[in-house]
Protein backbone atom coordinates (compact mmCIF):
# COMPACT_ATOMS: atom_id res chain seq x y z
CA MET A 1 84.79 111.01 121.74
CA THR A 2 81.59 110.67 123.83
CA GLU A 3 80.48 107.29 124.70
CA SER A 4 77.67 107.89 122.00
CA ASP A 5 80.06 107.74 119.25
CA ARG A 6 82.89 105.49 120.68
CA VAL A 7 83.75 102.34 118.35
CA ALA A 8 83.78 99.10 120.15
CA VAL A 9 85.38 95.68 119.43
CA ILE A 10 82.94 92.87 120.50
CA GLY A 11 84.65 89.83 118.99
CA ALA A 12 87.94 88.53 117.91
CA SER A 13 89.54 85.44 116.45
CA MET A 14 92.60 83.99 114.73
CA THR A 15 93.14 80.67 113.08
CA GLN A 16 96.34 78.48 113.59
CA PHE A 17 99.21 80.34 112.01
CA GLY A 18 101.78 78.21 110.12
CA GLN A 19 101.85 75.93 107.09
CA ARG A 20 98.08 75.19 106.44
CA GLU A 21 96.49 73.03 103.67
CA GLU A 22 93.65 75.32 103.27
CA TRP A 23 93.51 78.06 100.65
CA ILE A 24 93.12 81.81 101.23
CA LEU A 25 89.16 81.77 101.13
CA GLU A 26 88.88 78.86 103.48
CA LEU A 27 91.35 80.45 105.98
CA LEU A 28 89.29 83.83 105.86
CA ALA A 29 86.17 82.03 106.38
CA GLU A 30 87.35 80.10 109.24
CA ALA A 31 88.33 83.23 111.12
CA GLY A 32 85.40 85.23 110.24
CA LEU A 33 82.90 82.68 111.27
CA ASP A 34 84.84 81.99 114.57
CA CYS A 35 84.76 85.86 115.22
CA LEU A 36 81.03 85.91 114.77
CA GLU A 37 80.45 82.97 116.95
CA ASP A 38 82.80 84.71 119.61
CA ALA A 39 80.56 87.83 119.61
CA GLY A 40 77.27 86.02 119.25
CA VAL A 41 76.32 87.81 115.96
CA ASP A 42 74.72 86.37 112.85
CA ALA A 43 76.26 86.76 109.65
CA ASP A 44 73.41 88.61 108.04
CA GLU A 45 73.65 91.41 110.61
CA ILE A 46 77.00 92.48 108.99
CA GLU A 47 76.72 95.73 107.11
CA HIS A 48 80.31 96.17 106.02
CA LEU A 49 82.97 93.35 105.37
CA TYR A 50 86.45 94.45 104.98
CA VAL A 51 89.25 91.93 104.08
CA SER A 52 92.90 92.75 104.53
CA ASN A 53 94.98 91.03 102.03
CA MET A 54 98.16 91.85 100.22
CA THR A 55 98.78 89.20 97.65
CA SER A 56 95.96 86.82 96.96
CA GLY A 57 96.52 87.46 93.38
CA GLU A 58 100.25 87.07 93.33
CA PHE A 59 100.36 83.92 95.52
CA GLU A 60 97.15 82.19 94.37
CA GLY A 61 95.86 84.05 91.31
CA MET A 62 92.66 84.83 93.07
CA THR A 63 91.05 88.23 93.19
CA GLY A 64 87.67 89.37 94.54
CA VAL A 65 88.19 87.63 97.87
CA MET A 66 86.13 89.87 99.77
CA ASN A 67 82.97 89.36 97.55
CA ALA A 68 83.66 85.60 97.51
CA LEU A 69 83.98 85.75 101.51
CA ALA A 70 80.64 87.52 101.96
CA HIS A 71 78.93 84.78 99.94
CA ASP A 72 80.51 81.88 101.75
CA ILE A 73 79.89 82.97 105.24
CA GLY A 74 76.37 84.17 104.51
CA ALA A 75 76.99 87.92 105.05
CA LEU A 76 75.06 89.17 101.86
CA PRO A 77 74.40 91.90 100.98
CA ALA A 78 76.90 93.54 102.93
CA TYR A 79 79.16 96.06 101.40
CA THR A 80 82.54 94.54 100.83
CA GLN A 81 86.07 95.93 100.33
CA ARG A 82 89.51 94.69 100.11
CA VAL A 83 92.23 96.64 101.99
CA ASP A 84 95.71 96.25 100.65
CA GLN A 85 98.45 98.31 102.34
CA THR A 86 101.35 95.93 101.87
CA SER A 87 102.26 94.34 104.99
CA SER A 88 100.36 96.90 107.19
CA SER A 89 96.99 95.86 105.32
CA GLY A 90 95.79 94.37 108.64
CA GLY A 91 96.29 97.59 110.64
CA ALA A 92 94.90 99.59 107.71
CA GLY A 93 91.76 97.30 107.87
CA ILE A 94 91.33 98.38 111.52
CA TYR A 95 91.61 101.92 110.39
CA ALA A 96 88.93 101.40 107.62
CA ALA A 97 86.66 99.30 109.89
CA TRP A 98 86.85 102.03 112.68
CA GLN A 99 86.09 104.56 110.04
CA SER A 100 83.02 102.79 108.81
CA ILE A 101 81.61 102.80 112.26
CA GLN A 102 82.70 106.12 113.43
CA SER A 103 81.13 107.77 110.07
CA GLY A 104 77.75 106.02 110.84
CA ALA A 105 77.91 104.28 107.59
CA SER A 106 77.82 100.96 109.32
CA ASP A 107 76.50 99.53 112.58
CA MET A 108 78.35 96.19 112.27
CA THR A 109 81.48 95.87 110.55
CA LEU A 110 83.43 92.54 110.13
CA LEU A 111 87.20 92.80 109.47
CA VAL A 112 89.12 89.56 108.42
CA GLY A 113 92.65 89.62 107.42
CA GLY A 114 94.43 86.56 105.74
CA GLU A 115 97.21 85.28 103.57
CA LYS A 116 98.20 82.04 101.98
CA MET A 117 102.16 81.94 101.39
CA THR A 118 103.76 78.68 102.22
CA HIS A 119 102.86 76.83 99.00
CA ARG A 120 105.41 78.86 97.20
CA THR A 121 109.20 78.63 97.60
CA THR A 122 111.18 80.92 99.69
CA GLY A 123 112.63 82.45 96.70
CA GLU A 124 109.24 82.97 95.01
CA ALA A 125 107.83 84.40 98.22
CA THR A 126 110.70 86.85 98.95
CA ASP A 127 110.57 88.04 95.31
CA ILE A 128 106.76 88.75 95.77
CA ILE A 129 107.23 90.54 99.10
CA ALA A 130 110.17 92.62 97.62
CA SER A 131 107.97 94.23 95.19
CA ILE A 132 106.92 96.38 98.09
CA THR A 133 110.24 98.20 97.41
CA HIS A 134 110.89 101.30 95.07
CA PRO A 135 111.33 100.11 91.40
CA VAL A 136 114.88 101.64 91.66
CA GLU A 137 115.68 99.57 94.80
CA TYR A 138 114.06 96.41 93.31
CA LYS A 139 116.00 96.66 90.07
CA ALA A 140 119.31 96.77 92.35
CA GLY A 141 118.35 93.51 93.88
CA VAL A 142 117.39 95.13 97.26
CA THR A 143 115.10 93.21 99.64
CA LEU A 144 113.58 93.96 102.90
CA PRO A 145 116.14 91.72 104.64
CA SER A 146 118.86 93.66 103.17
CA PHE A 147 117.44 96.82 104.60
CA ALA A 148 117.06 95.31 107.90
CA GLY A 149 120.70 94.03 107.94
CA LEU A 150 122.07 97.50 106.94
CA THR A 151 119.87 99.39 109.49
CA ALA A 152 120.84 96.82 112.11
CA ARG A 153 124.53 97.29 111.66
CA HIS A 154 124.24 101.26 111.70
CA TYR A 155 122.16 101.01 114.81
CA LEU A 156 124.48 98.75 116.82
CA GLU A 157 127.58 100.70 115.73
CA ARG A 158 125.91 104.10 116.22
CA PHE A 159 124.51 103.52 119.61
CA ASP A 160 127.10 101.20 120.92
CA ALA A 161 124.47 98.38 121.09
CA PRO A 162 125.39 94.69 121.92
CA ARG A 163 124.66 92.12 119.18
CA GLU A 164 123.03 90.12 121.90
CA SER A 165 120.37 92.75 122.55
CA LEU A 166 118.67 91.92 119.14
CA ALA A 167 118.93 88.13 120.00
CA LYS A 168 117.23 88.78 123.23
CA VAL A 169 114.17 90.25 121.36
CA ALA A 170 113.82 87.02 119.37
CA SER A 171 114.47 84.93 122.42
CA LYS A 172 111.69 86.89 124.34
CA ASN A 173 109.10 86.66 121.60
CA HIS A 174 109.74 82.86 121.18
CA ARG A 175 109.20 82.28 124.85
CA ASN A 176 105.99 84.35 124.78
CA GLY A 177 104.91 82.29 121.68
CA VAL A 178 104.89 79.10 123.68
CA ASP A 179 101.75 80.24 125.46
CA ASN A 180 99.94 81.09 122.24
CA PRO A 181 98.09 78.18 120.97
CA HIS A 182 97.82 79.78 117.60
CA ALA A 183 101.42 80.57 117.07
CA GLN A 184 103.40 78.85 114.24
CA PHE A 185 106.48 78.28 116.47
CA ARG A 186 105.85 77.28 120.08
CA LYS A 187 109.31 76.67 121.24
CA GLU A 188 111.84 78.56 123.08
CA VAL A 189 115.11 79.55 121.53
CA ASP A 190 118.03 80.65 123.65
CA VAL A 191 120.38 83.59 122.86
CA GLU A 192 123.18 81.46 122.04
CA THR A 193 121.12 79.31 119.49
CA ILE A 194 120.07 82.70 117.79
CA LEU A 195 123.68 84.01 117.52
CA ASP A 196 125.04 80.66 116.21
CA SER A 197 122.24 80.57 113.47
CA PRO A 198 123.02 81.20 109.70
CA ILE A 199 123.63 84.78 108.70
CA VAL A 200 120.93 86.04 106.38
CA ALA A 201 121.94 89.91 106.13
CA ASP A 202 124.78 90.50 108.32
CA PRO A 203 124.57 91.16 111.31
CA LEU A 204 121.18 89.53 111.39
CA ARG A 205 120.85 85.78 111.55
CA LEU A 206 117.97 83.32 110.72
CA TYR A 207 116.31 83.77 114.10
CA ASP A 208 116.24 87.54 113.78
CA PHE A 209 113.72 87.02 110.85
CA CYS A 210 109.99 86.13 111.09
CA PRO A 211 108.60 83.12 109.00
CA ILE A 212 106.63 82.68 105.87
CA THR A 213 103.15 81.87 107.22
CA ASP A 214 99.65 80.93 106.38
CA GLY A 215 96.64 82.16 108.44
CA SER A 216 93.85 84.50 109.27
CA ALA A 217 92.49 86.76 111.96
CA ALA A 218 89.28 88.50 112.45
CA MET A 219 87.60 91.37 114.50
CA LEU A 220 84.12 92.67 114.85
CA PHE A 221 83.40 96.39 115.24
CA CYS A 222 80.22 98.44 116.21
CA PRO A 223 79.18 101.45 118.06
CA GLU A 224 79.41 101.30 121.84
CA SER A 225 75.57 101.59 122.17
CA VAL A 226 75.25 98.45 120.06
CA ALA A 227 78.06 96.59 121.83
CA GLN A 228 76.09 96.98 125.02
CA GLU A 229 73.11 95.05 123.58
CA TYR A 230 75.52 91.98 123.20
CA THR A 231 77.93 92.03 126.06
CA ASP A 232 79.54 93.77 128.92
CA GLU A 233 83.01 92.82 128.01
CA TYR A 234 84.29 94.70 125.14
CA ALA A 235 87.10 96.91 124.03
CA ILE A 236 87.18 100.64 122.79
CA VAL A 237 89.40 101.74 119.84
CA ALA A 238 90.45 104.85 121.75
CA GLY A 239 92.74 106.18 119.18
CA VAL A 240 93.83 105.10 115.59
CA ASP A 241 96.03 106.96 112.86
CA GLY A 242 97.99 106.12 109.83
CA ALA A 243 101.06 107.72 108.18
CA THR A 244 103.45 107.30 105.19
CA ASP A 245 107.09 107.75 104.96
CA THR A 246 109.45 107.85 101.94
CA HIS A 247 109.29 104.98 99.51
CA VAL A 248 112.87 105.18 98.71
CA VAL A 249 114.39 104.27 102.05
CA HIS A 250 117.65 105.94 101.41
CA GLU A 251 116.06 109.36 101.10
CA ARG A 252 115.27 109.35 104.83
CA GLU A 253 117.27 111.91 107.09
CA ASP A 254 117.93 109.29 109.63
CA PRO A 255 117.52 105.42 108.85
CA THR A 256 117.08 104.83 112.53
CA VAL A 257 113.95 106.92 112.80
CA MET A 258 110.68 105.52 111.24
CA GLY A 259 108.80 108.74 110.52
CA GLY A 260 105.55 106.74 109.78
CA VAL A 261 105.72 105.19 113.14
CA VAL A 262 106.29 108.54 114.82
CA GLU A 263 103.53 110.37 113.15
CA SER A 264 100.99 107.61 113.28
CA GLY A 265 101.64 107.10 117.17
CA GLN A 266 101.33 110.79 117.71
CA GLY A 267 98.04 110.76 115.98
CA ALA A 268 96.70 107.81 117.96
CA TYR A 269 97.90 109.31 121.11
CA GLU A 270 96.32 112.54 120.37
CA MET A 271 92.96 111.09 119.65
CA SER A 272 92.95 108.60 122.66
CA GLY A 273 94.13 111.19 125.20
CA TYR A 274 96.69 108.61 126.20
CA GLY A 275 100.67 108.85 125.96
CA PRO A 276 103.31 106.27 126.08
CA GLU A 277 103.40 106.11 129.86
CA ASP A 278 99.83 104.98 129.80
CA VAL A 279 100.25 101.86 127.60
CA ASP A 280 100.09 98.62 129.61
CA VAL A 281 100.96 96.16 126.70
CA ALA A 282 102.30 96.67 123.07
CA GLU A 283 102.23 94.65 119.95
CA LEU A 284 104.96 95.69 117.56
CA HIS A 285 105.75 94.67 114.10
CA ASP A 286 109.06 92.63 114.57
CA MET A 287 109.29 91.18 111.06
CA PHE A 288 112.90 91.80 111.96
CA THR A 289 114.39 92.13 115.51
CA ILE A 290 115.71 95.52 114.74
CA LEU A 291 112.13 96.81 114.08
CA GLU A 292 111.15 96.20 117.62
CA PHE A 293 113.94 98.70 118.76
CA LEU A 294 112.95 101.35 116.10
CA GLN A 295 109.21 101.13 116.95
CA MET A 296 109.77 101.49 120.74
CA GLU A 297 111.76 104.56 120.04
CA GLY A 298 109.39 106.07 117.53
CA LEU A 299 106.40 105.44 119.77
CA GLY A 300 107.92 107.08 122.84
CA PHE A 301 108.56 104.13 124.86
CA ALA A 302 112.32 104.66 124.79
CA GLU A 303 114.61 107.55 123.83
CA GLN A 304 116.42 107.32 120.53
CA GLY A 305 119.12 104.60 120.64
CA GLU A 306 118.10 103.38 124.19
CA ALA A 307 115.46 100.62 123.33
CA TRP A 308 118.26 97.94 123.38
CA GLU A 309 118.89 98.91 127.06
CA LEU A 310 115.28 98.36 128.00
CA VAL A 311 115.27 95.03 126.50
CA GLU A 312 118.52 94.27 128.36
CA GLU A 313 116.93 95.23 131.53
CA GLY A 314 113.95 93.00 130.94
CA TYR A 315 111.60 95.91 130.74
CA THR A 316 109.80 94.41 127.66
CA GLU A 317 109.27 90.91 129.20
CA ARG A 318 105.84 89.59 130.07
CA ASP A 319 106.54 90.34 133.72
CA GLY A 320 108.17 93.72 132.89
CA GLU A 321 107.13 97.32 132.97
CA LEU A 322 105.92 97.19 129.48
CA PRO A 323 105.14 93.69 128.00
CA VAL A 324 105.77 93.78 124.25
CA ASN A 325 104.57 91.16 121.94
CA THR A 326 102.95 88.88 124.42
CA SER A 327 101.51 87.10 121.49
CA GLY A 328 105.01 86.08 120.49
CA GLY A 329 105.11 88.78 117.86
CA LEU A 330 105.48 87.92 114.08
CA LYS A 331 108.75 86.22 115.16
CA SER A 332 107.08 83.41 116.74
CA LYS A 333 103.43 83.76 115.92
CA GLY A 334 104.07 84.18 112.19
CA HIS A 335 103.52 86.60 109.54
CA PRO A 336 100.79 85.96 107.11
CA LEU A 337 100.90 89.53 105.47
CA GLY A 338 97.27 90.62 105.45
CA ALA A 339 96.51 88.89 108.82
CA SER A 340 99.23 90.27 110.73
CA GLY A 341 97.88 93.61 111.81
CA VAL A 342 94.57 92.03 112.68
CA ALA A 343 96.24 89.52 114.87
CA GLN A 344 98.02 92.26 116.61
CA GLY A 345 94.59 93.84 117.25
CA VAL A 346 93.25 90.42 118.48
CA GLU A 347 95.86 90.17 120.94
CA ILE A 348 95.33 93.68 122.28
CA TYR A 349 91.61 92.96 122.41
CA GLU A 350 92.10 89.85 124.41
CA GLN A 351 94.59 91.58 126.81
CA VAL A 352 92.41 94.42 127.62
CA VAL A 353 89.18 92.30 128.00
CA GLY A 354 91.03 89.75 130.23
CA GLU A 355 90.74 86.84 127.59
CA ALA A 356 94.60 86.13 126.95
CA GLY A 357 94.74 83.09 128.93
CA ASP A 358 98.32 81.92 129.89
CA ARG A 359 99.56 85.28 128.02
CA GLN A 360 97.51 87.63 130.37
CA VAL A 361 99.14 90.65 131.64
CA GLU A 362 97.67 93.39 133.80
CA ALA A 363 96.45 95.79 131.05
CA ASP A 364 93.67 98.32 130.58
CA VAL A 365 95.27 100.21 127.75
CA GLY A 366 97.03 98.36 124.74
CA LEU A 367 98.79 99.58 121.54
CA CYS A 368 99.50 97.78 118.40
CA CYS A 369 101.71 99.15 115.42
CA ASN A 370 101.73 97.60 111.97
CA VAL A 371 104.39 98.37 109.58
CA GLY A 372 104.23 98.23 105.84
CA GLY A 373 107.48 97.47 103.99
CA PHE A 374 110.39 98.96 105.75
CA GLY A 375 108.32 101.60 107.50
CA ASN A 376 106.80 103.01 104.30
CA CYS A 377 103.26 102.93 105.56
CA VAL A 378 102.29 102.45 109.31
CA ILE A 379 98.85 102.19 111.16
CA THR A 380 99.09 102.74 115.05
CA THR A 381 96.01 101.56 117.04
CA ILE A 382 95.32 102.10 120.74
CA MET A 383 92.62 100.17 122.48
CA GLU A 384 91.15 100.31 126.07
CA ALA A 385 88.96 98.29 128.30
CA ALA A 386 85.26 99.37 128.19
CA ARG A 387 84.51 101.33 131.41
């Protein structure tokens, strides 16, 4: 892409993640208005408004959140659309916002992702989320945690990986989350505590799983020529792609390979002209600790079966060769389904423009990978600092 048609991000925000009293529309408005303030853009300048949300109907009985949000933040008469791609809705929203600018259909597109979940019981929330699975699997009582446990057991045994390596992923991400003022959990957790926590889906324990979360995040997109009218500090979406894997997980040739991660990563690399070796910081979808290994390998940061070795060596620490989940990841930051992929984008944006505060690493190029279901659909985005 030439400079004349590159898509820029000029503003970003996220709310406090965790257990919130506000309902979905209030959470979305909070992030959306904060994002506009961050960019110095008025709401009536928005031409397209996308809302990434998976379950407002199921959790709250509310639909039409995108139209209501446009009204509440004063963005009328902007075109609105809800983006639902299960737990990768946020990443899909980034892709949709990029397309709206890249196509020339809009010169100012606001993306807001959000979810309200904590008012439901854990059982109710788990059942709603389990609807992502194939009906045949769902009838058999299969849930995403059970897929994670089965895959983790297979990975550990096949690649002779120590159980402690998964615990080190959780411990690292909790450590990173301490410095994220918006994270749900800002507390360090050591490996021993993680290994002693209750079993959820053997061999995975309580601290191998992300929490149920309320929250919202937002990003503002425009052509680079428009970005330069507002600021000298912005990010460029250098590459973005999405892919879909089998809905029935047991039909995959190798359960340790997430085909959607591989394909979307390759597409994003090809578009951007970058490769895995060029990425300075990454946000990966650690809904379960085992997913951090599978995404590292699918995106080319490690050979198959070797991601655990990099974690053991400290390669993915904040001061390592490739910092992974500087935000705290879903594990510490939280996982409000529709917001998570957008929040990943917010972290990468802040890293490449130098606004990540105590989490800041040296980064010109960043990548985020947002996974739906158990790898059923995936969006990979690469952003770079404006030059």
